[in-house]
Amino acid sequence: MHLRQQIRDYVYGQLFDNTGAFQNVYKSRVYPVDGKAIATILIYTDSETAEPAGFSESSDRELILKLEVYVKEYATPDNLLDDITSEIEVLLATNCAPLKQVLSMNYTGLNVEFSGSGDKPLLVGTMEYSINYWVENKNPEGED
């Protein structure tokens, strides 16, 4: 399993049932959020860049990880969104070295959008994390 997937799995494990989204956490950029859940979190890879690491056969990589937090049908959606994103920041900052190849995991910002109308409002907060890690070029899984 590629290290990108291991990172997503790690983040999923940290967030599942540990935020106001409860068990509504998914490792996918596409998931229907029209069910009964008030809040849902989607975790996915946005992009990755790689550079050779000196003269070695490894590369330094920067992974951009996105976490979309959906909040709907709630009296104060902005407050719930702020609560959940705060919980995420604490959970991921507390355990910033999930795998030995991960050098850093930094929160880089939040973008909030409103969609929907009438009785189906939907607030979407997209959090972004920059994750720096290294892998041997012949071994992107990062296993020993």
N, C-alpha and C. Protein backbone atom coordinates (compact mmCIF):
# COMPACT_ATOMS: atom_id res chain seq x y z
N MET A 1 0.84 -1.17 0.00
CA MET A 1 0.00 0.00 0.00
C MET A 1 0.90 1.24 0.00
N HIS A 2 0.64 2.14 -0.92
CA HIS A 2 1.45 3.36 -1.06
C HIS A 2 1.37 4.17 0.23
N LEU A 3 2.42 4.90 0.53
CA LEU A 3 2.46 5.71 1.74
C LEU A 3 1.33 6.75 1.77
N ARG A 4 0.91 7.25 0.61
CA ARG A 4 -0.24 8.18 0.58
C ARG A 4 -1.47 7.53 1.22
N GLN A 5 -1.71 6.29 0.85
CA GLN A 5 -2.87 5.58 1.39
C GLN A 5 -2.69 5.32 2.88
N GLN A 6 -1.47 5.00 3.30
CA GLN A 6 -1.21 4.80 4.73
C GLN A 6 -1.48 6.08 5.52
N ILE A 7 -1.14 7.22 4.95
CA ILE A 7 -1.39 8.50 5.61
C ILE A 7 -2.89 8.75 5.71
N ARG A 8 -3.62 8.51 4.63
CA ARG A 8 -5.09 8.68 4.68
C ARG A 8 -5.72 7.74 5.71
N ASP A 9 -5.23 6.50 5.75
CA ASP A 9 -5.73 5.53 6.73
C ASP A 9 -5.46 6.01 8.15
N TYR A 10 -4.27 6.56 8.38
CA TYR A 10 -3.92 7.08 9.70
C TYR A 10 -4.86 8.22 10.10
N VAL A 11 -5.07 9.18 9.20
CA VAL A 11 -5.94 10.32 9.50
C VAL A 11 -7.36 9.82 9.78
N TYR A 12 -7.84 8.90 8.97
CA TYR A 12 -9.16 8.30 9.18
C TYR A 12 -9.26 7.71 10.59
N GLY A 13 -8.25 6.95 10.99
CA GLY A 13 -8.24 6.33 12.31
C GLY A 13 -8.27 7.35 13.44
N GLN A 14 -7.62 8.48 13.24
CA GLN A 14 -7.62 9.54 14.25
C GLN A 14 -8.99 10.22 14.38
N LEU A 15 -9.71 10.36 13.25
CA LEU A 15 -10.95 11.13 13.24
C LEU A 15 -12.20 10.29 13.48
N PHE A 16 -12.17 9.02 13.11
CA PHE A 16 -13.36 8.17 13.20
C PHE A 16 -13.86 8.11 14.65
N ASP A 17 -15.07 8.57 14.86
CA ASP A 17 -15.75 8.55 16.17
C ASP A 17 -15.07 9.44 17.22
N ASN A 18 -14.20 10.36 16.78
CA ASN A 18 -13.52 11.27 17.72
C ASN A 18 -13.85 12.74 17.49
N THR A 19 -14.83 13.02 16.62
CA THR A 19 -15.24 14.40 16.35
C THR A 19 -16.76 14.48 16.36
N GLY A 20 -17.28 15.66 16.17
CA GLY A 20 -18.73 15.85 16.08
C GLY A 20 -19.35 15.19 14.87
N ALA A 21 -18.54 14.67 13.96
CA ALA A 21 -19.06 13.90 12.82
C ALA A 21 -19.24 12.42 13.19
N PHE A 22 -18.78 12.07 14.38
CA PHE A 22 -18.89 10.71 14.91
C PHE A 22 -18.29 9.69 13.94
N GLN A 23 -19.08 8.74 13.47
CA GLN A 23 -18.57 7.70 12.57
C GLN A 23 -18.75 8.04 11.10
N ASN A 24 -19.20 9.25 10.80
CA ASN A 24 -19.42 9.67 9.42
C ASN A 24 -18.13 10.25 8.84
N VAL A 25 -17.12 9.41 8.75
CA VAL A 25 -15.81 9.79 8.22
C VAL A 25 -15.48 8.80 7.11
N TYR A 26 -15.08 9.34 5.93
CA TYR A 26 -14.87 8.47 4.77
C TYR A 26 -13.58 8.85 4.05
N LYS A 27 -12.86 7.83 3.58
CA LYS A 27 -11.62 8.04 2.83
C LYS A 27 -11.95 8.10 1.34
N SER A 28 -12.60 9.17 0.95
CA SER A 28 -13.02 9.31 -0.43
C SER A 28 -13.38 10.76 -0.70
N ARG A 29 -13.12 11.22 -1.91
CA ARG A 29 -13.54 12.57 -2.27
C ARG A 29 -14.99 12.58 -2.76
N VAL A 30 -15.54 11.40 -2.98
CA VAL A 30 -16.91 11.28 -3.46
C VAL A 30 -17.68 10.37 -2.51
N TYR A 31 -18.67 10.95 -1.85
CA TYR A 31 -19.53 10.18 -0.96
C TYR A 31 -20.84 10.94 -0.81
N PRO A 32 -21.97 10.28 -0.91
CA PRO A 32 -23.24 11.00 -0.79
C PRO A 32 -23.43 11.50 0.65
N VAL A 33 -23.66 12.79 0.78
CA VAL A 33 -23.85 13.37 2.11
C VAL A 33 -25.31 13.77 2.33
N ASP A 34 -26.21 13.10 1.62
CA ASP A 34 -27.61 13.47 1.73
C ASP A 34 -28.38 12.57 2.70
N GLY A 35 -27.68 11.77 3.48
CA GLY A 35 -28.34 10.90 4.44
C GLY A 35 -28.79 11.66 5.68
N LYS A 36 -28.94 10.96 6.79
CA LYS A 36 -29.43 11.57 8.02
C LYS A 36 -28.33 12.25 8.82
N ALA A 37 -27.08 12.04 8.49
CA ALA A 37 -25.97 12.61 9.27
C ALA A 37 -25.99 14.13 9.21
N ILE A 38 -25.79 14.75 10.36
CA ILE A 38 -25.70 16.21 10.42
C ILE A 38 -24.33 16.67 9.94
N ALA A 39 -23.29 15.88 10.24
CA ALA A 39 -21.93 16.24 9.83
C ALA A 39 -21.23 15.02 9.24
N THR A 40 -20.42 15.27 8.22
CA THR A 40 -19.67 14.22 7.53
C THR A 40 -18.29 14.77 7.20
N ILE A 41 -17.27 13.90 7.28
CA ILE A 41 -15.90 14.28 6.91
C ILE A 41 -15.43 13.38 5.78
N LEU A 42 -14.92 13.99 4.70
CA LEU A 42 -14.31 13.24 3.60
C LEU A 42 -12.81 13.53 3.60
N ILE A 43 -12.01 12.49 3.44
CA ILE A 43 -10.55 12.61 3.45
C ILE A 43 -10.03 12.16 2.09
N TYR A 44 -9.20 13.00 1.44
CA TYR A 44 -8.65 12.60 0.16
C TYR A 44 -7.35 13.34 -0.15
N THR A 45 -6.59 12.78 -1.08
CA THR A 45 -5.36 13.39 -1.56
C THR A 45 -5.70 14.38 -2.66
N ASP A 46 -5.18 15.60 -2.53
CA ASP A 46 -5.39 16.61 -3.56
C ASP A 46 -4.25 16.58 -4.58
N SER A 47 -3.01 16.59 -4.10
CA SER A 47 -1.86 16.57 -5.01
C SER A 47 -0.61 16.12 -4.25
N GLU A 48 0.43 15.88 -5.02
CA GLU A 48 1.71 15.50 -4.43
C GLU A 48 2.82 15.97 -5.36
N THR A 49 3.88 16.50 -4.77
CA THR A 49 5.08 16.84 -5.53
C THR A 49 6.24 16.04 -4.98
N ALA A 50 7.25 15.81 -5.82
CA ALA A 50 8.41 15.03 -5.40
C ALA A 50 9.68 15.65 -5.95
N GLU A 51 10.73 15.58 -5.15
CA GLU A 51 12.05 16.05 -5.56
C GLU A 51 13.09 15.02 -5.14
N PRO A 52 14.14 14.84 -5.94
CA PRO A 52 15.20 13.91 -5.53
C PRO A 52 15.82 14.38 -4.22
N ALA A 53 16.16 13.44 -3.37
CA ALA A 53 16.78 13.75 -2.08
C ALA A 53 18.29 13.60 -2.21
N GLY A 54 18.94 14.67 -2.62
CA GLY A 54 20.40 14.63 -2.76
C GLY A 54 20.84 13.62 -3.79
N PHE A 55 21.87 12.85 -3.44
CA PHE A 55 22.41 11.85 -4.36
C PHE A 55 21.87 10.46 -4.10
N SER A 56 20.91 10.36 -3.21
CA SER A 56 20.38 9.04 -2.86
C SER A 56 19.30 8.61 -3.84
N GLU A 57 18.83 7.40 -3.65
CA GLU A 57 17.75 6.87 -4.48
C GLU A 57 16.41 7.02 -3.77
N SER A 58 16.24 8.15 -3.14
CA SER A 58 14.97 8.43 -2.47
C SER A 58 14.47 9.80 -2.91
N SER A 59 13.22 10.09 -2.55
CA SER A 59 12.69 11.39 -2.90
C SER A 59 11.95 12.00 -1.71
N ASP A 60 12.05 13.31 -1.61
CA ASP A 60 11.29 14.07 -0.63
C ASP A 60 9.98 14.45 -1.30
N ARG A 61 8.89 14.25 -0.59
CA ARG A 61 7.59 14.50 -1.19
C ARG A 61 6.75 15.42 -0.30
N GLU A 62 5.89 16.19 -0.96
CA GLU A 62 4.90 16.99 -0.25
C GLU A 62 3.53 16.56 -0.73
N LEU A 63 2.74 16.08 0.19
CA LEU A 63 1.39 15.62 -0.08
C LEU A 63 0.42 16.69 0.43
N ILE A 64 -0.53 17.08 -0.40
CA ILE A 64 -1.59 17.98 0.04
C ILE A 64 -2.82 17.12 0.30
N LEU A 65 -3.21 17.07 1.56
CA LEU A 65 -4.35 16.28 2.00
C LEU A 65 -5.51 17.22 2.29
N LYS A 66 -6.68 16.88 1.78
CA LYS A 66 -7.88 17.69 2.00
C LYS A 66 -8.85 16.92 2.89
N LEU A 67 -9.49 17.66 3.78
CA LEU A 67 -10.55 17.13 4.61
C LEU A 67 -11.74 18.03 4.43
N GLU A 68 -12.80 17.51 3.83
CA GLU A 68 -14.01 18.28 3.63
C GLU A 68 -14.97 17.94 4.76
N VAL A 69 -15.42 18.98 5.45
CA VAL A 69 -16.35 18.81 6.56
C VAL A 69 -17.70 19.38 6.11
N TYR A 70 -18.69 18.51 6.01
CA TYR A 70 -20.04 18.90 5.59
C TYR A 70 -20.93 19.01 6.82
N VAL A 71 -21.63 20.14 6.94
CA VAL A 71 -22.57 20.35 8.03
C VAL A 71 -23.89 20.77 7.42
N LYS A 72 -24.97 20.12 7.85
CA LYS A 72 -26.27 20.45 7.27
C LYS A 72 -27.37 20.40 8.32
N GLU A 73 -28.47 21.08 7.99
CA GLU A 73 -29.69 21.03 8.80
C GLU A 73 -29.40 21.17 10.29
N TYR A 74 -28.71 22.22 10.64
CA TYR A 74 -28.33 22.46 12.02
C TYR A 74 -28.58 23.92 12.34
N ALA A 75 -29.03 24.23 13.55
CA ALA A 75 -29.40 25.60 13.90
C ALA A 75 -28.25 26.59 13.75
N THR A 76 -27.05 26.17 14.11
CA THR A 76 -25.88 27.05 14.01
C THR A 76 -24.76 26.30 13.29
N PRO A 77 -24.87 26.16 11.98
CA PRO A 77 -23.89 25.36 11.24
C PRO A 77 -22.46 25.91 11.34
N ASP A 78 -22.30 27.22 11.39
CA ASP A 78 -20.95 27.79 11.51
C ASP A 78 -20.28 27.34 12.80
N ASN A 79 -21.04 27.33 13.89
CA ASN A 79 -20.47 26.90 15.16
C ASN A 79 -20.10 25.42 15.14
N LEU A 80 -20.96 24.58 14.58
CA LEU A 80 -20.66 23.15 14.50
C LEU A 80 -19.43 22.92 13.62
N LEU A 81 -19.35 23.64 12.50
CA LEU A 81 -18.19 23.52 11.62
C LEU A 81 -16.91 23.91 12.37
N ASP A 82 -16.97 25.02 13.11
CA ASP A 82 -15.81 25.45 13.88
C ASP A 82 -15.43 24.43 14.94
N ASP A 83 -16.43 23.85 15.60
CA ASP A 83 -16.15 22.83 16.62
C ASP A 83 -15.45 21.62 16.02
N ILE A 84 -15.98 21.13 14.89
CA ILE A 84 -15.40 19.93 14.28
C ILE A 84 -14.01 20.20 13.73
N THR A 85 -13.82 21.34 13.07
CA THR A 85 -12.48 21.63 12.52
C THR A 85 -11.48 21.84 13.65
N SER A 86 -11.90 22.38 14.77
CA SER A 86 -11.02 22.52 15.93
C SER A 86 -10.63 21.14 16.47
N GLU A 87 -11.60 20.24 16.56
CA GLU A 87 -11.32 18.87 17.01
C GLU A 87 -10.31 18.20 16.09
N ILE A 88 -10.48 18.38 14.78
CA ILE A 88 -9.56 17.80 13.80
C ILE A 88 -8.15 18.35 14.01
N GLU A 89 -8.04 19.67 14.14
CA GLU A 89 -6.71 20.27 14.34
C GLU A 89 -6.01 19.69 15.56
N VAL A 90 -6.74 19.55 16.67
CA VAL A 90 -6.15 19.01 17.89
C VAL A 90 -5.73 17.56 17.70
N LEU A 91 -6.61 16.75 17.12
CA LEU A 91 -6.30 15.33 16.92
C LEU A 91 -5.08 15.12 16.03
N LEU A 92 -4.98 15.91 14.96
CA LEU A 92 -3.86 15.72 14.04
C LEU A 92 -2.58 16.38 14.53
N ALA A 93 -2.67 17.42 15.34
CA ALA A 93 -1.47 18.06 15.89
C ALA A 93 -0.87 17.23 17.02
N THR A 94 -1.72 16.54 17.75
CA THR A 94 -1.27 15.74 18.88
C THR A 94 -0.43 14.56 18.41
N ASN A 95 -0.76 14.04 17.26
CA ASN A 95 -0.09 12.85 16.74
C ASN A 95 0.47 13.16 15.35
N CYS A 96 1.45 14.05 15.28
CA CYS A 96 1.88 14.55 13.98
C CYS A 96 2.88 13.64 13.26
N ALA A 97 3.30 12.55 13.87
CA ALA A 97 4.25 11.66 13.20
C ALA A 97 3.68 10.24 13.11
N PRO A 98 2.68 10.03 12.25
CA PRO A 98 2.02 8.73 12.20
C PRO A 98 2.90 7.61 11.68
N LEU A 99 3.79 7.92 10.79
CA LEU A 99 4.65 6.91 10.18
C LEU A 99 6.08 7.43 10.20
N LYS A 100 7.03 6.53 10.24
CA LYS A 100 8.42 6.98 10.39
C LYS A 100 8.92 7.81 9.22
N GLN A 101 8.33 7.67 8.02
CA GLN A 101 8.75 8.47 6.87
C GLN A 101 8.16 9.87 6.86
N VAL A 102 7.14 10.09 7.68
CA VAL A 102 6.50 11.41 7.72
C VAL A 102 7.37 12.36 8.53
N LEU A 103 7.80 13.44 7.88
CA LEU A 103 8.66 14.43 8.53
C LEU A 103 7.84 15.51 9.22
N SER A 104 6.72 15.90 8.62
CA SER A 104 5.85 16.93 9.23
C SER A 104 4.45 16.85 8.65
N MET A 105 3.50 17.30 9.46
CA MET A 105 2.10 17.38 9.05
C MET A 105 1.60 18.73 9.53
N ASN A 106 1.38 19.66 8.59
CA ASN A 106 1.03 21.03 8.96
C ASN A 106 -0.31 21.45 8.38
N TYR A 107 -1.15 22.00 9.24
CA TYR A 107 -2.42 22.58 8.81
C TYR A 107 -2.12 23.87 8.06
N THR A 108 -2.68 24.03 6.86
CA THR A 108 -2.35 25.22 6.05
C THR A 108 -3.55 26.12 5.76
N GLY A 109 -4.76 25.72 6.18
CA GLY A 109 -5.88 26.63 5.99
C GLY A 109 -7.22 25.96 5.82
N LEU A 110 -8.25 26.82 5.78
CA LEU A 110 -9.63 26.40 5.68
C LEU A 110 -10.37 27.30 4.70
N ASN A 111 -11.15 26.70 3.83
CA ASN A 111 -12.01 27.43 2.92
C ASN A 111 -13.44 27.00 3.22
N VAL A 112 -14.35 27.96 3.42
CA VAL A 112 -15.74 27.64 3.76
C VAL A 112 -16.65 28.12 2.65
N GLU A 113 -17.56 27.23 2.23
CA GLU A 113 -18.54 27.57 1.21
C GLU A 113 -19.92 27.14 1.68
N PHE A 114 -20.92 27.86 1.23
CA PHE A 114 -22.31 27.54 1.53
C PHE A 114 -22.99 27.13 0.24
N SER A 115 -23.74 26.05 0.31
CA SER A 115 -24.52 25.65 -0.86
C SER A 115 -25.88 25.16 -0.39
N GLY A 116 -26.74 24.93 -1.33
CA GLY A 116 -28.09 24.50 -1.00
C GLY A 116 -28.99 25.70 -0.84
N SER A 117 -30.25 25.43 -0.65
CA SER A 117 -31.20 26.52 -0.48
C SER A 117 -32.40 26.02 0.31
N GLY A 118 -33.15 26.97 0.82
CA GLY A 118 -34.38 26.64 1.52
C GLY A 118 -34.18 25.72 2.70
N ASP A 119 -34.84 24.57 2.66
CA ASP A 119 -34.79 23.65 3.79
C ASP A 119 -33.62 22.67 3.73
N LYS A 120 -32.72 22.80 2.75
CA LYS A 120 -31.57 21.89 2.62
C LYS A 120 -30.24 22.66 2.55
N PRO A 121 -29.96 23.53 3.53
CA PRO A 121 -28.68 24.24 3.49
C PRO A 121 -27.52 23.29 3.78
N LEU A 122 -26.37 23.59 3.22
CA LEU A 122 -25.19 22.76 3.40
C LEU A 122 -23.97 23.67 3.50
N LEU A 123 -23.24 23.55 4.59
CA LEU A 123 -22.02 24.31 4.80
C LEU A 123 -20.86 23.34 4.62
N VAL A 124 -19.87 23.73 3.79
CA VAL A 124 -18.73 22.85 3.51
C VAL A 124 -17.45 23.59 3.86
N GLY A 125 -16.70 23.03 4.80
CA GLY A 125 -15.39 23.57 5.16
C GLY A 125 -14.32 22.63 4.66
N THR A 126 -13.43 23.13 3.80
CA THR A 126 -12.35 22.30 3.27
C THR A 126 -11.05 22.68 3.95
N MET A 127 -10.54 21.74 4.77
CA MET A 127 -9.29 21.94 5.47
C MET A 127 -8.17 21.39 4.60
N GLU A 128 -6.99 22.02 4.68
CA GLU A 128 -5.85 21.55 3.90
C GLU A 128 -4.67 21.30 4.82
N TYR A 129 -4.01 20.18 4.61
CA TYR A 129 -2.80 19.83 5.34
C TYR A 129 -1.67 19.58 4.35
N SER A 130 -0.50 20.08 4.67
CA SER A 130 0.71 19.81 3.91
C SER A 130 1.51 18.78 4.70
N ILE A 131 1.78 17.65 4.06
CA ILE A 131 2.49 16.56 4.73
C ILE A 131 3.77 16.29 3.97
N ASN A 132 4.90 16.46 4.65
CA ASN A 132 6.20 16.19 4.04
C ASN A 132 6.69 14.82 4.49
N TYR A 133 7.11 14.02 3.51
CA TYR A 133 7.61 12.69 3.82
C TYR A 133 8.65 12.28 2.78
N TRP A 134 9.30 11.17 3.03
CA TRP A 134 10.30 10.67 2.08
C TRP A 134 10.04 9.19 1.84
N VAL A 135 10.41 8.73 0.66
CA VAL A 135 10.35 7.30 0.34
C VAL A 135 11.54 6.95 -0.53
N GLU A 136 11.93 5.70 -0.50
CA GLU A 136 12.90 5.20 -1.46
C GLU A 136 12.16 5.05 -2.78
N ASN A 137 12.80 5.45 -3.87
CA ASN A 137 12.12 5.44 -5.17
C ASN A 137 11.64 4.06 -5.57
N LYS A 138 12.37 3.03 -5.17
CA LYS A 138 11.99 1.66 -5.50
C LYS A 138 10.95 1.10 -4.54
N ASN A 139 10.59 1.89 -3.52
CA ASN A 139 9.70 1.38 -2.49
C ASN A 139 8.73 2.46 -2.01
N PRO A 140 7.77 2.87 -2.85
CA PRO A 140 6.83 3.93 -2.45
C PRO A 140 5.88 3.51 -1.33
N GLU A 141 5.88 2.23 -1.00
CA GLU A 141 5.05 1.76 0.11
C GLU A 141 5.67 2.13 1.44
N GLY A 142 6.97 2.42 1.47
CA GLY A 142 7.64 2.82 2.69
C GLY A 142 7.87 1.69 3.66
N GLU A 143 7.75 0.45 3.22
CA GLU A 143 7.97 -0.70 4.10
C GLU A 143 9.45 -1.04 4.15
N ASP A 144 9.84 -1.57 5.31
CA ASP A 144 11.23 -2.01 5.47
C ASP A 144 11.53 -3.27 4.72
